Amino acid sequence: MDEEIRGEDLRERLKERRRGKVDVRIGKKGVTESLLEEIKRRLEKHGVVKVKVLKSARASPGFNREEYAEEIARAVGGVLREVKGYTFIIVKKDR
């Protein structure tokens, strides 16, 4: 489970996540401790997590999707790989 995700394996997992369903959705409660723990858990297990910010979570004025995604990636100890619309992909950091 604690494998390094690099090269071809990372590319395959990213491809899979880009096409596949969203792993975690952020709703009206916003970013909570339990949400961050869930993202961390999935990141450790799979190495890649796809997150979508629902309309109810982005209702605040001045919402910036890139900054929001960066903050979440930093909070879970991952690296923001891609932001498309209100969906973003976080990958596990190399050690």
PDB file of N, CA and C in Angstrom:
ATOM      1  N   MET A   1       0.813  -1.196   0.000  1.00  0.00           N
ATOM      2  CA  MET A   1       0.000   0.000   0.000  1.00  0.00           C
ATOM      3  C   MET A   1       0.851   1.252   0.000  1.00  0.00           C
ATOM      4  N   ASP A   2       2.011   1.224   0.534  1.00  0.00           N
ATOM      5  CA  ASP A   2       2.846   2.404   0.658  1.00  0.00           C
ATOM      6  C   ASP A   2       3.788   2.542  -0.536  1.00  0.00           C
ATOM      7  N   GLU A   3       3.339   2.063  -1.692  1.00  0.00           N
ATOM      8  CA  GLU A   3       4.174   2.062  -2.878  1.00  0.00           C
ATOM      9  C   GLU A   3       4.353   3.461  -3.453  1.00  0.00           C
ATOM     10  N   GLU A   4       5.456   3.684  -4.120  1.00  0.00           N
ATOM     11  CA  GLU A   4       5.703   4.935  -4.819  1.00  0.00           C
ATOM     12  C   GLU A   4       4.945   4.879  -6.143  1.00  0.00           C
ATOM     13  N   ILE A   5       4.266   5.942  -6.459  1.00  0.00           N
ATOM     14  CA  ILE A   5       3.520   5.982  -7.702  1.00  0.00           C
ATOM     15  C   ILE A   5       4.256   6.901  -8.652  1.00  0.00           C
ATOM     16  N   ARG A   6       4.871   6.308  -9.661  1.00  0.00           N
ATOM     17  CA  ARG A   6       5.688   7.069 -10.592  1.00  0.00           C
ATOM     18  C   ARG A   6       5.474   6.578 -12.009  1.00  0.00           C
ATOM     19  N   GLY A   7       5.998   7.362 -12.932  1.00  0.00           N
ATOM     20  CA  GLY A   7       6.076   6.954 -14.323  1.00  0.00           C
ATOM     21  C   GLY A   7       4.795   6.446 -14.919  1.00  0.00           C
ATOM     22  N   GLU A   8       4.872   5.292 -15.518  1.00  0.00           N
ATOM     23  CA  GLU A   8       3.760   4.703 -16.252  1.00  0.00           C
ATOM     24  C   GLU A   8       2.561   4.444 -15.354  1.00  0.00           C
ATOM     25  N   ASP A   9       2.804   3.963 -14.147  1.00  0.00           N
ATOM     26  CA  ASP A   9       1.709   3.684 -13.227  1.00  0.00           C
ATOM     27  C   ASP A   9       0.930   4.951 -12.911  1.00  0.00           C
ATOM     28  N   LEU A  10       1.636   6.050 -12.668  1.00  0.00           N
ATOM     29  CA  LEU A  10       0.972   7.324 -12.376  1.00  0.00           C
ATOM     30  C   LEU A  10       0.163   7.789 -13.581  1.00  0.00           C
ATOM     31  N   ARG A  11       0.735   7.678 -14.756  1.00  0.00           N
ATOM     32  CA  ARG A  11       0.009   8.098 -15.970  1.00  0.00           C
ATOM     33  C   ARG A  11      -1.273   7.305 -16.147  1.00  0.00           C
ATOM     34  N   GLU A  12      -1.202   6.000 -15.909  1.00  0.00           N
ATOM     35  CA  GLU A  12      -2.386   5.155 -16.048  1.00  0.00           C
ATOM     36  C   GLU A  12      -3.460   5.533 -15.036  1.00  0.00           C
ATOM     37  N   ARG A  13      -3.048   5.758 -13.809  1.00  0.00           N
ATOM     38  CA  ARG A  13      -4.015   6.124 -12.768  1.00  0.00           C
ATOM     39  C   ARG A  13      -4.638   7.490 -13.039  1.00  0.00           C
ATOM     40  N   LEU A  14      -3.840   8.429 -13.538  1.00  0.00           N
ATOM     41  CA  LEU A  14      -4.371   9.749 -13.889  1.00  0.00           C
ATOM     42  C   LEU A  14      -5.386   9.640 -15.022  1.00  0.00           C
ATOM     43  N   LYS A  15      -5.068   8.847 -16.027  1.00  0.00           N
ATOM     44  CA  LYS A  15      -5.985   8.628 -17.145  1.00  0.00           C
ATOM     45  C   LYS A  15      -7.308   8.073 -16.643  1.00  0.00           C
ATOM     46  N   GLU A  16      -7.208   7.089 -15.768  1.00  0.00           N
ATOM     47  CA  GLU A  16      -8.378   6.436 -15.204  1.00  0.00           C
ATOM     48  C   GLU A  16      -9.243   7.440 -14.449  1.00  0.00           C
ATOM     49  N   ARG A  17      -8.610   8.305 -13.654  1.00  0.00           N
ATOM     50  CA  ARG A  17      -9.350   9.290 -12.867  1.00  0.00           C
ATOM     51  C   ARG A  17      -9.971  10.365 -13.748  1.00  0.00           C
ATOM     52  N   ARG A  18      -9.272  10.787 -14.793  1.00  0.00           N
ATOM     53  CA  ARG A  18      -9.810  11.811 -15.686  1.00  0.00           C
ATOM     54  C   ARG A  18     -11.106  11.343 -16.328  1.00  0.00           C
ATOM     55  N   ARG A  19     -11.148  10.098 -16.728  1.00  0.00           N
ATOM     56  CA  ARG A  19     -12.328   9.546 -17.394  1.00  0.00           C
ATOM     57  C   ARG A  19     -13.380   9.095 -16.404  1.00  0.00           C
ATOM     58  N   GLY A  20     -12.949   8.645 -15.259  1.00  0.00           N
ATOM     59  CA  GLY A  20     -13.843   8.003 -14.308  1.00  0.00           C
ATOM     60  C   GLY A  20     -14.677   8.952 -13.476  1.00  0.00           C
ATOM     61  N   LYS A  21     -15.374   8.364 -12.560  1.00  0.00           N
ATOM     62  CA  LYS A  21     -16.239   9.114 -11.655  1.00  0.00           C
ATOM     63  C   LYS A  21     -15.417   9.853 -10.617  1.00  0.00           C
ATOM     64  N   VAL A  22     -16.055  10.810  -9.992  1.00  0.00           N
ATOM     65  CA  VAL A  22     -15.438  11.600  -8.939  1.00  0.00           C
ATOM     66  C   VAL A  22     -15.353  10.757  -7.671  1.00  0.00           C
ATOM     67  N   ASP A  23     -14.210  10.848  -6.964  1.00  0.00           N
ATOM     68  CA  ASP A  23     -14.030  10.095  -5.727  1.00  0.00           C
ATOM     69  C   ASP A  23     -14.693  10.790  -4.537  1.00  0.00           C
ATOM     70  N   VAL A  24     -14.528  12.122  -4.460  1.00  0.00           N
ATOM     71  CA  VAL A  24     -15.013  12.892  -3.314  1.00  0.00           C
ATOM     72  C   VAL A  24     -15.720  14.144  -3.822  1.00  0.00           C
ATOM     73  N   ARG A  25     -16.850  14.457  -3.206  1.00  0.00           N
ATOM     74  CA  ARG A  25     -17.595  15.680  -3.547  1.00  0.00           C
ATOM     75  C   ARG A  25     -17.624  16.592  -2.333  1.00  0.00           C
ATOM     76  N   ILE A  26     -17.392  17.884  -2.582  1.00  0.00           N
ATOM     77  CA  ILE A  26     -17.443  18.880  -1.506  1.00  0.00           C
ATOM     78  C   ILE A  26     -18.764  19.608  -1.641  1.00  0.00           C
ATOM     79  N   GLY A  27     -19.601  19.502  -0.610  1.00  0.00           N
ATOM     80  CA  GLY A  27     -20.945  20.081  -0.640  1.00  0.00           C
ATOM     81  C   GLY A  27     -21.090  21.289   0.251  1.00  0.00           C
ATOM     82  N   LYS A  28     -22.313  21.508   0.723  1.00  0.00           N
ATOM     83  CA  LYS A  28     -22.643  22.723   1.477  1.00  0.00           C
ATOM     84  C   LYS A  28     -21.894  22.858   2.796  1.00  0.00           C
ATOM     85  N   LYS A  29     -21.440  21.762   3.368  1.00  0.00           N
ATOM     86  CA  LYS A  29     -20.669  21.849   4.623  1.00  0.00           C
ATOM     87  C   LYS A  29     -19.254  22.345   4.375  1.00  0.00           C
ATOM     88  N   GLY A  30     -18.825  22.298   3.108  1.00  0.00           N
ATOM     89  CA  GLY A  30     -17.477  22.766   2.770  1.00  0.00           C
ATOM     90  C   GLY A  30     -16.413  21.781   3.206  1.00  0.00           C
ATOM     91  N   VAL A  31     -15.236  22.313   3.478  1.00  0.00           N
ATOM     92  CA  VAL A  31     -14.100  21.477   3.859  1.00  0.00           C
ATOM     93  C   VAL A  31     -14.133  21.244   5.363  1.00  0.00           C
ATOM     94  N   THR A  32     -14.328  19.987   5.739  1.00  0.00           N
ATOM     95  CA  THR A  32     -14.364  19.608   7.152  1.00  0.00           C
ATOM     96  C   THR A  32     -13.201  18.656   7.434  1.00  0.00           C
ATOM     97  N   GLU A  33     -12.960  18.409   8.703  1.00  0.00           N
ATOM     98  CA  GLU A  33     -11.896  17.472   9.089  1.00  0.00           C
ATOM     99  C   GLU A  33     -12.167  16.080   8.520  1.00  0.00           C
ATOM    100  N   SER A  34     -13.418  15.657   8.583  1.00  0.00           N
ATOM    101  CA  SER A  34     -13.745  14.317   8.084  1.00  0.00           C
ATOM    102  C   SER A  34     -13.549  14.236   6.567  1.00  0.00           C
ATOM    103  N   LEU A  35     -13.829  15.310   5.854  1.00  0.00           N
ATOM    104  CA  LEU A  35     -13.605  15.340   4.416  1.00  0.00           C
ATOM    105  C   LEU A  35     -12.108  15.236   4.108  1.00  0.00           C
ATOM    106  N   LEU A  36     -11.301  15.991   4.825  1.00  0.00           N
ATOM    107  CA  LEU A  36      -9.852  15.938   4.618  1.00  0.00           C
ATOM    108  C   LEU A  36      -9.302  14.557   4.939  1.00  0.00           C
ATOM    109  N   GLU A  37      -9.821  13.937   5.997  1.00  0.00           N
ATOM    110  CA  GLU A  37      -9.388  12.585   6.357  1.00  0.00           C
ATOM    111  C   GLU A  37      -9.747  11.582   5.259  1.00  0.00           C
ATOM    112  N   GLU A  38     -10.925  11.740   4.675  1.00  0.00           N
ATOM    113  CA  GLU A  38     -11.346  10.849   3.597  1.00  0.00           C
ATOM    114  C   GLU A  38     -10.437  11.008   2.374  1.00  0.00           C
ATOM    115  N   ILE A  39     -10.102  12.238   2.027  1.00  0.00           N
ATOM    116  CA  ILE A  39      -9.203  12.483   0.891  1.00  0.00           C
ATOM    117  C   ILE A  39      -7.833  11.891   1.185  1.00  0.00           C
ATOM    118  N   LYS A  40      -7.325  12.080   2.408  1.00  0.00           N
ATOM    119  CA  LYS A  40      -6.021  11.512   2.794  1.00  0.00           C
ATOM    120  C   LYS A  40      -6.032   9.995   2.683  1.00  0.00           C
ATOM    121  N   ARG A  41      -7.103   9.391   3.173  1.00  0.00           N
ATOM    122  CA  ARG A  41      -7.220   7.932   3.147  1.00  0.00           C
ATOM    123  C   ARG A  41      -7.203   7.413   1.709  1.00  0.00           C
ATOM    124  N   ARG A  42      -7.967   8.046   0.857  1.00  0.00           N
ATOM    125  CA  ARG A  42      -8.016   7.623  -0.554  1.00  0.00           C
ATOM    126  C   ARG A  42      -6.687   7.889  -1.258  1.00  0.00           C
ATOM    127  N   LEU A  43      -6.031   8.971  -0.895  1.00  0.00           N
ATOM    128  CA  LEU A  43      -4.735   9.307  -1.484  1.00  0.00           C
ATOM    129  C   LEU A  43      -3.692   8.258  -1.117  1.00  0.00           C
ATOM    130  N   GLU A  44      -3.700   7.834   0.137  1.00  0.00           N
ATOM    131  CA  GLU A  44      -2.769   6.788   0.584  1.00  0.00           C
ATOM    132  C   GLU A  44      -3.049   5.460  -0.115  1.00  0.00           C
ATOM    133  N   LYS A  45      -4.309   5.142  -0.271  1.00  0.00           N
ATOM    134  CA  LYS A  45      -4.680   3.855  -0.854  1.00  0.00           C
ATOM    135  C   LYS A  45      -4.464   3.811  -2.367  1.00  0.00           C
ATOM    136  N   HIS A  46      -4.866   4.879  -3.068  1.00  0.00           N
ATOM    137  CA  HIS A  46      -4.852   4.862  -4.531  1.00  0.00           C
ATOM    138  C   HIS A  46      -3.766   5.727  -5.162  1.00  0.00           C
ATOM    139  N   GLY A  47      -3.267   6.718  -4.424  1.00  0.00           N
ATOM    140  CA  GLY A  47      -2.244   7.599  -4.960  1.00  0.00           C
ATOM    141  C   GLY A  47      -2.786   8.762  -5.768  1.00  0.00           C
ATOM    142  N   VAL A  48      -4.049   8.685  -6.180  1.00  0.00           N
ATOM    143  CA  VAL A  48      -4.685   9.732  -6.983  1.00  0.00           C
ATOM    144  C   VAL A  48      -6.127   9.879  -6.509  1.00  0.00           C
ATOM    145  N   VAL A  49      -6.587  11.130  -6.340  1.00  0.00           N
ATOM    146  CA  VAL A  49      -7.958  11.381  -5.898  1.00  0.00           C
ATOM    147  C   VAL A  49      -8.569  12.465  -6.776  1.00  0.00           C
ATOM    148  N   LYS A  50      -9.797  12.219  -7.238  1.00  0.00           N
ATOM    149  CA  LYS A  50     -10.526  13.197  -8.041  1.00  0.00           C
ATOM    150  C   LYS A  50     -11.607  13.815  -7.145  1.00  0.00           C
ATOM    151  N   VAL A  51     -11.606  15.152  -7.070  1.00  0.00           N
ATOM    152  CA  VAL A  51     -12.502  15.873  -6.165  1.00  0.00           C
ATOM    153  C   VAL A  51     -13.345  16.864  -6.959  1.00  0.00           C
ATOM    154  N   LYS A  52     -14.623  16.947  -6.651  1.00  0.00           N
ATOM    155  CA  LYS A  52     -15.508  17.904  -7.305  1.00  0.00           C
ATOM    156  C   LYS A  52     -16.105  18.838  -6.256  1.00  0.00           C
ATOM    157  N   VAL A  53     -16.119  20.138  -6.578  1.00  0.00           N
ATOM    158  CA  VAL A  53     -16.712  21.139  -5.700  1.00  0.00           C
ATOM    159  C   VAL A  53     -18.118  21.411  -6.227  1.00  0.00           C
ATOM    160  N   LEU A  54     -19.127  21.047  -5.451  1.00  0.00           N
ATOM    161  CA  LEU A  54     -20.506  21.245  -5.860  1.00  0.00           C
ATOM    162  C   LEU A  54     -20.907  22.717  -5.745  1.00  0.00           C
ATOM    163  N   LYS A  55     -21.978  23.074  -6.418  1.00  0.00           N
ATOM    164  CA  LYS A  55     -22.453  24.454  -6.471  1.00  0.00           C
ATOM    165  C   LYS A  55     -22.683  25.044  -5.079  1.00  0.00           C
ATOM    166  N   SER A  56     -23.207  24.244  -4.177  1.00  0.00           N
ATOM    167  CA  SER A  56     -23.503  24.712  -2.820  1.00  0.00           C
ATOM    168  C   SER A  56     -22.235  25.101  -2.056  1.00  0.00           C
ATOM    169  N   ALA A  57     -21.109  24.510  -2.387  1.00  0.00           N
ATOM    170  CA  ALA A  57     -19.847  24.793  -1.691  1.00  0.00           C
ATOM    171  C   ALA A  57     -19.146  26.019  -2.267  1.00  0.00           C
ATOM    172  N   ARG A  58     -19.444  26.373  -3.495  1.00  0.00           N
ATOM    173  CA  ARG A  58     -18.766  27.510  -4.127  1.00  0.00           C
ATOM    174  C   ARG A  58     -19.623  28.766  -4.167  1.00  0.00           C
ATOM    175  N   ALA A  59     -20.649  28.829  -3.334  1.00  0.00           N
ATOM    176  CA  ALA A  59     -21.579  29.950  -3.313  1.00  0.00           C
ATOM    177  C   ALA A  59     -20.991  31.220  -2.699  1.00  0.00           C
ATOM    178  N   SER A  60     -19.902  31.101  -1.953  1.00  0.00           N
ATOM    179  CA  SER A  60     -19.339  32.281  -1.288  1.00  0.00           C
ATOM    180  C   SER A  60     -18.729  33.243  -2.308  1.00  0.00           C
ATOM    181  N   PRO A  61     -18.883  34.563  -2.063  1.00  0.00           N
ATOM    182  CA  PRO A  61     -18.308  35.546  -2.985  1.00  0.00           C
ATOM    183  C   PRO A  61     -16.777  35.476  -2.966  1.00  0.00           C
ATOM    184  N   GLY A  62     -16.169  35.660  -4.116  1.00  0.00           N
ATOM    185  CA  GLY A  62     -14.719  35.627  -4.198  1.00  0.00           C
ATOM    186  C   GLY A  62     -14.143  34.220  -4.257  1.00  0.00           C
ATOM    187  N   PHE A  63     -14.974  33.235  -4.527  1.00  0.00           N
ATOM    188  CA  PHE A  63     -14.511  31.846  -4.608  1.00  0.00           C
ATOM    189  C   PHE A  63     -13.546  31.712  -5.786  1.00  0.00           C
ATOM    190  N   ASN A  64     -12.364  31.171  -5.512  1.00  0.00           N
ATOM    191  CA  ASN A  64     -11.367  30.939  -6.559  1.00  0.00           C
ATOM    192  C   ASN A  64     -11.044  29.456  -6.567  1.00  0.00           C
ATOM    193  N   ARG A  65     -11.412  28.782  -7.624  1.00  0.00           N
ATOM    194  CA  ARG A  65     -11.293  27.320  -7.661  1.00  0.00           C
ATOM    195  C   ARG A  65      -9.851  26.832  -7.574  1.00  0.00           C
ATOM    196  N   GLU A  66      -8.895  27.555  -8.209  1.00  0.00           N
ATOM    197  CA  GLU A  66      -7.496  27.124  -8.161  1.00  0.00           C
ATOM    198  C   GLU A  66      -6.928  27.231  -6.745  1.00  0.00           C
ATOM    199  N   GLU A  67      -7.212  28.362  -6.081  1.00  0.00           N
ATOM    200  CA  GLU A  67      -6.727  28.551  -4.707  1.00  0.00           C
ATOM    201  C   GLU A  67      -7.361  27.522  -3.765  1.00  0.00           C
ATOM    202  N   TYR A  68      -8.642  27.275  -3.954  1.00  0.00           N
ATOM    203  CA  TYR A  68      -9.373  26.308  -3.146  1.00  0.00           C
ATOM    204  C   TYR A  68      -8.744  24.922  -3.284  1.00  0.00           C
ATOM    205  N   ALA A  69      -8.482  24.524  -4.526  1.00  0.00           N
ATOM    206  CA  ALA A  69      -7.880  23.222  -4.803  1.00  0.00           C
ATOM    207  C   ALA A  69      -6.468  23.128  -4.216  1.00  0.00           C
ATOM    208  N   GLU A  70      -5.687  24.200  -4.344  1.00  0.00           N
ATOM    209  CA  GLU A  70      -4.326  24.228  -3.789  1.00  0.00           C
ATOM    210  C   GLU A  70      -4.342  24.054  -2.269  1.00  0.00           C
ATOM    211  N   GLU A  71      -5.268  24.762  -1.615  1.00  0.00           N
ATOM    212  CA  GLU A  71      -5.365  24.683  -0.152  1.00  0.00           C
ATOM    213  C   GLU A  71      -5.708  23.262   0.298  1.00  0.00           C
ATOM    214  N   ILE A  72      -6.620  22.626  -0.395  1.00  0.00           N
ATOM    215  CA  ILE A  72      -7.016  21.262  -0.042  1.00  0.00           C
ATOM    216  C   ILE A  72      -5.851  20.300  -0.268  1.00  0.00           C
ATOM    217  N   ALA A  73      -5.180  20.441  -1.401  1.00  0.00           N
ATOM    218  CA  ALA A  73      -4.022  19.575  -1.703  1.00  0.00           C
ATOM    219  C   ALA A  73      -2.952  19.729  -0.630  1.00  0.00           C
ATOM    220  N   ARG A  74      -2.685  20.963  -0.227  1.00  0.00           N
ATOM    221  CA  ARG A  74      -1.676  21.231   0.807  1.00  0.00           C
ATOM    222  C   ARG A  74      -2.112  20.618   2.137  1.00  0.00           C
ATOM    223  N   ALA A  75      -3.402  20.737   2.459  1.00  0.00           N
ATOM    224  CA  ALA A  75      -3.923  20.228   3.738  1.00  0.00           C
ATOM    225  C   ALA A  75      -3.826  18.703   3.842  1.00  0.00           C
ATOM    226  N   VAL A  76      -3.917  18.014   2.711  1.00  0.00           N
ATOM    227  CA  VAL A  76      -3.868  16.549   2.750  1.00  0.00           C
ATOM    228  C   VAL A  76      -2.476  16.009   2.427  1.00  0.00           C
ATOM    229  N   GLY A  77      -1.541  16.898   2.172  1.00  0.00           N
ATOM    230  CA  GLY A  77      -0.172  16.470   1.896  1.00  0.00           C
ATOM    231  C   GLY A  77       0.021  15.918   0.498  1.00  0.00           C
ATOM    232  N   GLY A  78      -0.778  16.393  -0.437  1.00  0.00           N
ATOM    233  CA  GLY A  78      -0.674  15.942  -1.821  1.00  0.00           C
ATOM    234  C   GLY A  78      -0.231  17.073  -2.734  1.00  0.00           C
ATOM    235  N   VAL A  79      -0.226  16.778  -4.023  1.00  0.00           N
ATOM    236  CA  VAL A  79       0.147  17.752  -5.038  1.00  0.00           C
ATOM    237  C   VAL A  79      -1.019  17.915  -5.999  1.00  0.00           C
ATOM    238  N   LEU A  80      -1.403  19.157  -6.249  1.00  0.00           N
ATOM    239  CA  LEU A  80      -2.476  19.429  -7.196  1.00  0.00           C
ATOM    240  C   LEU A  80      -1.947  19.163  -8.596  1.00  0.00           C
ATOM    241  N   ARG A  81      -2.596  18.276  -9.313  1.00  0.00           N
ATOM    242  CA  ARG A  81      -2.114  17.880 -10.637  1.00  0.00           C
ATOM    243  C   ARG A  81      -2.871  18.574 -11.754  1.00  0.00           C
ATOM    244  N   GLU A  82      -4.185  18.756 -11.574  1.00  0.00           N
ATOM    245  CA  GLU A  82      -4.997  19.301 -12.654  1.00  0.00           C
ATOM    246  C   GLU A  82      -6.273  19.915 -12.094  1.00  0.00           C
ATOM    247  N   VAL A  83      -6.683  21.054 -12.672  1.00  0.00           N
ATOM    248  CA  VAL A  83      -7.957  21.673 -12.326  1.00  0.00           C
ATOM    249  C   VAL A  83      -8.719  21.855 -13.631  1.00  0.00           C
ATOM    250  N   LYS A  84      -9.915  21.300 -13.691  1.00  0.00           N
ATOM    251  CA  LYS A  84     -10.775  21.432 -14.864  1.00  0.00           C
ATOM    252  C   LYS A  84     -12.167  21.770 -14.378  1.00  0.00           C
ATOM    253  N   GLY A  85     -12.590  22.983 -14.650  1.00  0.00           N
ATOM    254  CA  GLY A  85     -13.882  23.413 -14.142  1.00  0.00           C
ATOM    255  C   GLY A  85     -13.844  23.429 -12.622  1.00  0.00           C
ATOM    256  N   TYR A  86     -14.783  22.754 -12.009  1.00  0.00           N
ATOM    257  CA  TYR A  86     -14.807  22.673 -10.545  1.00  0.00           C
ATOM    258  C   TYR A  86     -14.381  21.289 -10.056  1.00  0.00           C
ATOM    259  N   THR A  87     -13.668  20.580 -10.894  1.00  0.00           N
ATOM    260  CA  THR A  87     -13.151  19.267 -10.553  1.00  0.00           C
ATOM    261  C   THR A  87     -11.630  19.333 -10.606  1.00  0.00           C
ATOM    262  N   PHE A  88     -10.986  18.715  -9.632  1.00  0.00           N
ATOM    263  CA  PHE A  88      -9.524  18.717  -9.634  1.00  0.00           C
ATOM    264  C   PHE A  88      -8.978  17.371  -9.188  1.00  0.00           C
ATOM    265  N   ILE A  89      -7.716  17.135  -9.558  1.00  0.00           N
ATOM    266  CA  ILE A  89      -7.055  15.874  -9.245  1.00  0.00           C
ATOM    267  C   ILE A  89      -5.842  16.141  -8.360  1.00  0.00           C
ATOM    268  N   ILE A  90      -5.758  15.392  -7.270  1.00  0.00           N
ATOM    269  CA  ILE A  90      -4.627  15.484  -6.333  1.00  0.00           C
ATOM    270  C   ILE A  90      -3.877  14.155  -6.405  1.00  0.00           C
ATOM    271  N   VAL A  91      -2.548  14.238  -6.458  1.00  0.00           N
ATOM    272  CA  VAL A  91      -1.720  13.034  -6.453  1.00  0.00           C
ATOM    273  C   VAL A  91      -0.865  13.012  -5.201  1.00  0.00           C
ATOM    274  N   LYS A  92      -0.438  11.832  -4.841  1.00  0.00           N
ATOM    275  CA  LYS A  92       0.404  11.627  -3.668  1.00  0.00           C
ATOM    276  C   LYS A  92       1.809  12.173  -3.941  1.00  0.00           C
ATOM    277  N   LYS A  93       2.388  12.850  -2.975  1.00  0.00           N
ATOM    278  CA  LYS A  93       3.756  13.389  -3.104  1.00  0.00           C
ATOM    279  C   LYS A  93       4.762  12.252  -3.112  1.00  0.00           C
ATOM    280  N   ASP A  94       5.826  12.412  -3.909  1.00  0.00           N
ATOM    281  CA  ASP A  94       6.958  11.483  -3.825  1.00  0.00           C
ATOM    282  C   ASP A  94       7.695  11.791  -2.557  1.00  0.00           C
ATOM    283  N   ARG A  95       8.216  10.772  -1.927  1.00  0.00           N
ATOM    284  CA  ARG A  95       8.907  11.004  -0.658  1.00  0.00           C
ATOM    285  C   ARG A  95      10.320  11.309  -0.855  1.00  0.00           C
TER     286      ARG A  95
END
